[in-house]
C-alpha atoms as a PDB file:
ATOM      1  CA  MET A   1      -2.318 -15.112  10.646  1.00  0.00           C
ATOM      2  CA  LYS A   2      -2.414 -11.428   9.696  1.00  0.00           C
ATOM      3  CA  GLU A   3      -1.569 -10.033   6.260  1.00  0.00           C
ATOM      4  CA  ILE A   4      -0.308  -6.559   5.477  1.00  0.00           C
ATOM      5  CA  TYR A   5      -0.624  -5.409   1.879  1.00  0.00           C
ATOM      6  CA  VAL A   6       1.714  -2.490   1.210  1.00  0.00           C
ATOM      7  CA  LEU A   7       0.928  -0.613  -2.022  1.00  0.00           C
ATOM      8  CA  ARG A   8       3.018   2.285  -3.218  1.00  0.00           C
ATOM      9  CA  HIS A   9       1.022   4.871  -5.161  1.00  0.00           C
ATOM     10  CA  ALA A  10       1.169   4.595  -8.953  1.00  0.00           C
ATOM     11  CA  LYS A  11       3.235   6.890 -11.186  1.00  0.00           C
ATOM     12  CA  SER A  12       2.267  10.521 -10.710  1.00  0.00           C
ATOM     13  CA  SER A  13       2.100  13.295 -13.244  1.00  0.00           C
ATOM     14  CA  TRP A  14       4.503  16.219 -13.240  1.00  0.00           C
ATOM     15  CA  ASP A  15       2.691  18.019 -16.072  1.00  0.00           C
ATOM     16  CA  ASN A  16       1.434  20.887 -13.922  1.00  0.00           C
ATOM     17  CA  SER A  17       4.295  22.542 -12.036  1.00  0.00           C
ATOM     18  CA  ASN A  18       1.818  24.766 -10.170  1.00  0.00           C
ATOM     19  CA  LEU A  19       0.497  21.832  -8.143  1.00  0.00           C
ATOM     20  CA  SER A  20       1.955  21.007  -4.758  1.00  0.00           C
ATOM     21  CA  ASP A  21       3.411  17.549  -4.188  1.00  0.00           C
ATOM     22  CA  PHE A  22       0.274  16.690  -2.210  1.00  0.00           C
ATOM     23  CA  GLU A  23      -2.020  17.609  -5.145  1.00  0.00           C
ATOM     24  CA  ARG A  24      -0.230  15.716  -7.939  1.00  0.00           C
ATOM     25  CA  PRO A  25      -2.563  13.334  -9.814  1.00  0.00           C
ATOM     26  CA  LEU A  26      -1.641  10.072 -11.503  1.00  0.00           C
ATOM     27  CA  ALA A  27       0.046  10.056 -14.892  1.00  0.00           C
ATOM     28  CA  ASP A  28      -1.412   7.977 -17.730  1.00  0.00           C
ATOM     29  CA  ARG A  29       1.101   5.221 -16.967  1.00  0.00           C
ATOM     30  CA  GLY A  30       0.073   5.300 -13.312  1.00  0.00           C
ATOM     31  CA  ILE A  31      -3.578   4.864 -14.235  1.00  0.00           C
ATOM     32  CA  SER A  32      -2.700   1.984 -16.544  1.00  0.00           C
ATOM     33  CA  ASP A  33      -0.504   0.285 -13.906  1.00  0.00           C
ATOM     34  CA  ALA A  34      -3.165   0.639 -11.198  1.00  0.00           C
ATOM     35  CA  LYS A  35      -5.816  -0.876 -13.473  1.00  0.00           C
ATOM     36  CA  LYS A  36      -3.461  -3.731 -14.342  1.00  0.00           C
ATOM     37  CA  MET A  37      -2.783  -4.342 -10.637  1.00  0.00           C
ATOM     38  CA  SER A  38      -6.513  -4.297  -9.868  1.00  0.00           C
ATOM     39  CA  LYS A  39      -7.225  -6.891 -12.536  1.00  0.00           C
ATOM     40  CA  PHE A  40      -4.462  -9.127 -11.183  1.00  0.00           C
ATOM     41  CA  LEU A  41      -5.737  -8.744  -7.601  1.00  0.00           C
ATOM     42  CA  LYS A  42      -9.313  -9.505  -8.625  1.00  0.00           C
ATOM     43  CA  ASP A  43      -8.176 -12.977  -9.684  1.00  0.00           C
ATOM     44  CA  MET A  44      -6.680 -13.509  -6.193  1.00  0.00           C
ATOM     45  CA  ASP A  45     -10.134 -13.068  -4.603  1.00  0.00           C
ATOM     46  CA  LEU A  46      -8.818 -11.040  -1.658  1.00  0.00           C
ATOM     47  CA  LYS A  47     -10.803  -9.859   1.338  1.00  0.00           C
ATOM     48  CA  ILE A  48      -9.337  -6.715   2.879  1.00  0.00           C
ATOM     49  CA  ASP A  49     -10.682  -5.743   6.316  1.00  0.00           C
ATOM     50  CA  LYS A  50      -9.263  -2.214   6.556  1.00  0.00           C
ATOM     51  CA  VAL A  51      -7.576   0.280   4.256  1.00  0.00           C
ATOM     52  CA  LEU A  52      -5.198   2.961   5.494  1.00  0.00           C
ATOM     53  CA  CYS A  53      -4.410   5.383   2.684  1.00  0.00           C
ATOM     54  CA  SER A  54      -2.365   8.552   2.445  1.00  0.00           C
ATOM     55  CA  ASN A  55      -4.603  11.507   1.785  1.00  0.00           C
ATOM     56  CA  ALA A  56      -2.362  12.775  -1.044  1.00  0.00           C
ATOM     57  CA  LEU A  57      -4.223  12.808  -4.351  1.00  0.00           C
ATOM     58  CA  ARG A  58      -2.002  10.268  -6.153  1.00  0.00           C
ATOM     59  CA  ALA A  59      -2.417   7.740  -3.318  1.00  0.00           C
ATOM     60  CA  LYS A  60      -6.200   8.228  -3.245  1.00  0.00           C
ATOM     61  CA  GLU A  61      -6.412   7.797  -7.019  1.00  0.00           C
ATOM     62  CA  THR A  62      -4.280   4.652  -6.832  1.00  0.00           C
ATOM     63  CA  PHE A  63      -6.576   3.165  -4.215  1.00  0.00           C
ATOM     64  CA  ASP A  64      -9.700   4.201  -6.146  1.00  0.00           C
ATOM     65  CA  LEU A  65      -8.407   2.324  -9.200  1.00  0.00           C
ATOM     66  CA  THR A  66      -7.390  -0.787  -7.242  1.00  0.00           C
ATOM     67  CA  ALA A  67     -10.233  -0.931  -4.674  1.00  0.00           C
ATOM     68  CA  ASP A  68     -12.263  -3.357  -6.753  1.00  0.00           C
ATOM     69  CA  GLY A  69      -9.282  -5.723  -6.961  1.00  0.00           C
ATOM     70  CA  PHE A  70      -8.936  -5.587  -3.186  1.00  0.00           C
ATOM     71  CA  ASN A  71     -12.685  -6.195  -2.808  1.00  0.00           C
ATOM     72  CA  PHE A  72     -13.048  -3.061  -0.667  1.00  0.00           C
ATOM     73  CA  GLU A  73     -15.510  -0.171  -0.869  1.00  0.00           C
ATOM     74  CA  ILE A  74     -13.753   3.136  -1.573  1.00  0.00           C
ATOM     75  CA  ASP A  75     -15.843   5.150   0.887  1.00  0.00           C
ATOM     76  CA  LYS A  76     -14.845   2.873   3.792  1.00  0.00           C
ATOM     77  CA  ALA A  77     -11.108   3.599   3.513  1.00  0.00           C
ATOM     78  CA  THR A  78      -9.347   5.596   6.222  1.00  0.00           C
ATOM     79  CA  TYR A  79      -7.356   8.502   4.781  1.00  0.00           C
ATOM     80  CA  THR A  80      -4.586   9.832   6.969  1.00  0.00           C
ATOM     81  CA  ASP A  81      -1.703  12.305   7.090  1.00  0.00           C
ATOM     82  CA  ARG A  82       0.228   9.606   8.981  1.00  0.00           C
ATOM     83  CA  LEU A  83       1.000   7.957   5.626  1.00  0.00           C
ATOM     84  CA  TYR A  84       2.054  11.197   3.936  1.00  0.00           C
ATOM     85  CA  PHE A  85       4.085  12.878   6.664  1.00  0.00           C
ATOM     86  CA  GLY A  86       4.821   9.886   8.898  1.00  0.00           C
ATOM     87  CA  ASP A  87       7.622   7.391   9.084  1.00  0.00           C
ATOM     88  CA  THR A  88       7.886   3.639   9.666  1.00  0.00           C
ATOM     89  CA  THR A  89       7.504   4.103  13.435  1.00  0.00           C
ATOM     90  CA  ASN A  90       4.188   5.937  12.940  1.00  0.00           C
ATOM     91  CA  ILE A  91       2.903   3.194  10.653  1.00  0.00           C
ATOM     92  CA  ILE A  92       3.946   0.326  12.922  1.00  0.00           C
ATOM     93  CA  GLU A  93       2.431   2.071  15.959  1.00  0.00           C
ATOM     94  CA  GLY A  94      -0.816   2.510  13.993  1.00  0.00           C
ATOM     95  CA  LEU A  95      -0.865  -1.182  13.073  1.00  0.00           C
ATOM     96  CA  LYS A  96      -0.279  -2.164  16.710  1.00  0.00           C
ATOM     97  CA  GLU A  97      -3.470  -0.283  17.630  1.00  0.00           C
ATOM     98  CA  LEU A  98      -5.657  -2.306  15.247  1.00  0.00           C
ATOM     99  CA  ASP A  99      -8.451  -4.500  16.524  1.00  0.00           C
ATOM    100  CA  GLU A 100      -7.461  -8.163  16.553  1.00  0.00           C
ATOM    101  CA  SER A 101     -10.535  -9.079  14.521  1.00  0.00           C
ATOM    102  CA  LEU A 102      -8.931  -7.359  11.506  1.00  0.00           C
ATOM    103  CA  LYS A 103      -6.850  -9.876   9.563  1.00  0.00           C
ATOM    104  CA  ASN A 104      -5.979  -8.241   6.212  1.00  0.00           C
ATOM    105  CA  ILE A 105      -4.816  -4.626   6.107  1.00  0.00           C
ATOM    106  CA  LEU A 106      -3.955  -2.531   3.059  1.00  0.00           C
ATOM    107  CA  ILE A 107      -1.588   0.427   3.367  1.00  0.00           C
ATOM    108  CA  VAL A 108      -1.366   2.841   0.409  1.00  0.00           C
ATOM    109  CA  GLY A 109       1.375   5.427   0.594  1.00  0.00           C
ATOM    110  CA  HIS A 110       4.734   6.717  -0.508  1.00  0.00           C
ATOM    111  CA  ASN A 111       8.429   6.015  -0.738  1.00  0.00           C
ATOM    112  CA  PRO A 112      10.897   5.973   0.797  1.00  0.00           C
ATOM    113  CA  THR A 113       8.749   5.182   3.854  1.00  0.00           C
ATOM    114  CA  LEU A 114       6.998   2.131   2.389  1.00  0.00           C
ATOM    115  CA  HIS A 115      10.257   0.694   1.043  1.00  0.00           C
ATOM    116  CA  TYR A 116      11.798   1.014   4.515  1.00  0.00           C
ATOM    117  CA  LEU A 117       8.656  -0.446   6.115  1.00  0.00           C
ATOM    118  CA  VAL A 118       8.765  -3.602   3.992  1.00  0.00           C
ATOM    119  CA  GLU A 119      12.464  -4.124   4.704  1.00  0.00           C
ATOM    120  CA  LEU A 120      12.082  -3.352   8.405  1.00  0.00           C
ATOM    121  CA  LEU A 121       9.154  -5.711   9.000  1.00  0.00           C
ATOM    122  CA  THR A 122      10.584  -8.592   6.980  1.00  0.00           C
ATOM    123  CA  ASN A 123      14.347  -8.138   7.407  1.00  0.00           C
ATOM    124  CA  LYS A 124      14.569  -8.709   3.637  1.00  0.00           C
ATOM    125  CA  PRO A 125      16.377  -6.195   1.462  1.00  0.00           C
ATOM    126  CA  ILE A 126      14.439  -5.295  -1.657  1.00  0.00           C
ATOM    127  CA  GLU A 127      16.278  -3.655  -4.495  1.00  0.00           C
ATOM    128  CA  ARG A 128      13.518  -1.274  -5.543  1.00  0.00           C
ATOM    129  CA  PHE A 129       9.956  -0.591  -4.453  1.00  0.00           C
ATOM    130  CA  THR A 130       8.803   1.329  -7.489  1.00  0.00           C
ATOM    131  CA  THR A 131       5.464   2.934  -8.214  1.00  0.00           C
ATOM    132  CA  CYS A 132       2.404   0.703  -7.896  1.00  0.00           C
ATOM    133  CA  ASN A 133       4.449  -2.155  -6.422  1.00  0.00           C
ATOM    134  CA  LEU A 134       2.617  -4.329  -3.907  1.00  0.00           C
ATOM    135  CA  ALA A 135       4.302  -6.180  -1.063  1.00  0.00           C
ATOM    136  CA  ILE A 136       2.344  -8.903   0.722  1.00  0.00           C
ATOM    137  CA  ILE A 137       3.604  -9.471   4.251  1.00  0.00           C
ATOM    138  CA  SER A 138       2.506 -12.156   6.734  1.00  0.00           C
ATOM    139  CA  HIS A 139       2.517 -11.712  10.502  1.00  0.00           C
ATOM    140  CA  ASP A 140       1.779 -14.688  12.752  1.00  0.00           C
ATOM    141  CA  GLY A 141       1.191 -12.813  16.002  1.00  0.00           C
ATOM    142  CA  GLU A 142      -1.251 -10.242  17.288  1.00  0.00           C
ATOM    143  CA  TRP A 143      -1.153  -6.670  16.019  1.00  0.00           C
ATOM    144  CA  ILE A 144       0.070  -5.418  19.384  1.00  0.00           C
ATOM    145  CA  SER A 145       3.151  -7.638  19.087  1.00  0.00           C
ATOM    146  CA  LEU A 146       4.113  -6.392  15.618  1.00  0.00           C
ATOM    147  CA  SER A 147       7.760  -5.363  15.478  1.00  0.00           C
ATOM    148  CA  SER A 148      10.663  -5.223  13.101  1.00  0.00           C
ATOM    149  CA  GLN A 149      12.158  -8.341  11.520  1.00  0.00           C
ATOM    150  CA  GLN A 150       9.228 -10.452  12.660  1.00  0.00           C
ATOM    151  CA  CYS A 151       7.204 -10.804   9.472  1.00  0.00           C
ATOM    152  CA  ARG A 152       7.573 -12.755   6.236  1.00  0.00           C
ATOM    153  CA  LEU A 153       7.585 -11.222   2.751  1.00  0.00           C
ATOM    154  CA  ARG A 154       5.218 -13.488   0.851  1.00  0.00           C
ATOM    155  CA  SER A 155       5.242 -11.646  -2.453  1.00  0.00           C
ATOM    156  CA  LEU A 156       6.420  -8.539  -4.244  1.00  0.00           C
ATOM    157  CA  ILE A 157       4.191  -7.777  -7.222  1.00  0.00           C
ATOM    158  CA  LYS A 158       5.221  -5.299  -9.912  1.00  0.00           C
ATOM    159  CA  PRO A 159       2.860  -4.036 -12.626  1.00  0.00           C
ATOM    160  CA  LYS A 160       5.543  -4.290 -15.306  1.00  0.00           C
ATOM    161  CA  GLU A 161       5.705  -8.044 -14.655  1.00  0.00           C
ATOM    162  CA  LEU A 162       1.933  -8.521 -15.007  1.00  0.00           C
ATOM    163  CA  ARG A 163       0.118  -9.312 -18.219  1.00  0.00           C
ATOM    164  CA  ASN A 164      -2.291  -6.771 -19.626  1.00  0.00           C
END
């Protein structure tokens, strides 16, 4: 069985209007939520095999703060424009290219793309996929056979529902 962990970046700061969307850092609440998520994940004792992260600053910072919870070294993550500029088709095609030895994949990116991705893969409507939400999706086949409506939404974890 394969697992896809889909993490939306944490809350970003709008304090500096001179920054481009790509350069926006996390807000204080985003930092707090990411740390809370990391602590929760640490207790799950996960083993992530590969991380695909948007190269936008807020996504990188979210991963940096949660990497320990995912039991993954920050410098081994793959940062890509595909998760900033891409769509669900780009992401699914990228997943289909993965080596079969990889079982647990983390994707860190942005809405609305990640919201659509979760719904598309699982055929489950989700009301909101807010900042720093984590969807855990199971796929029973090979990566190459990944397609829409074929996976199972195991969990949707929201920082506001976690204890400090």
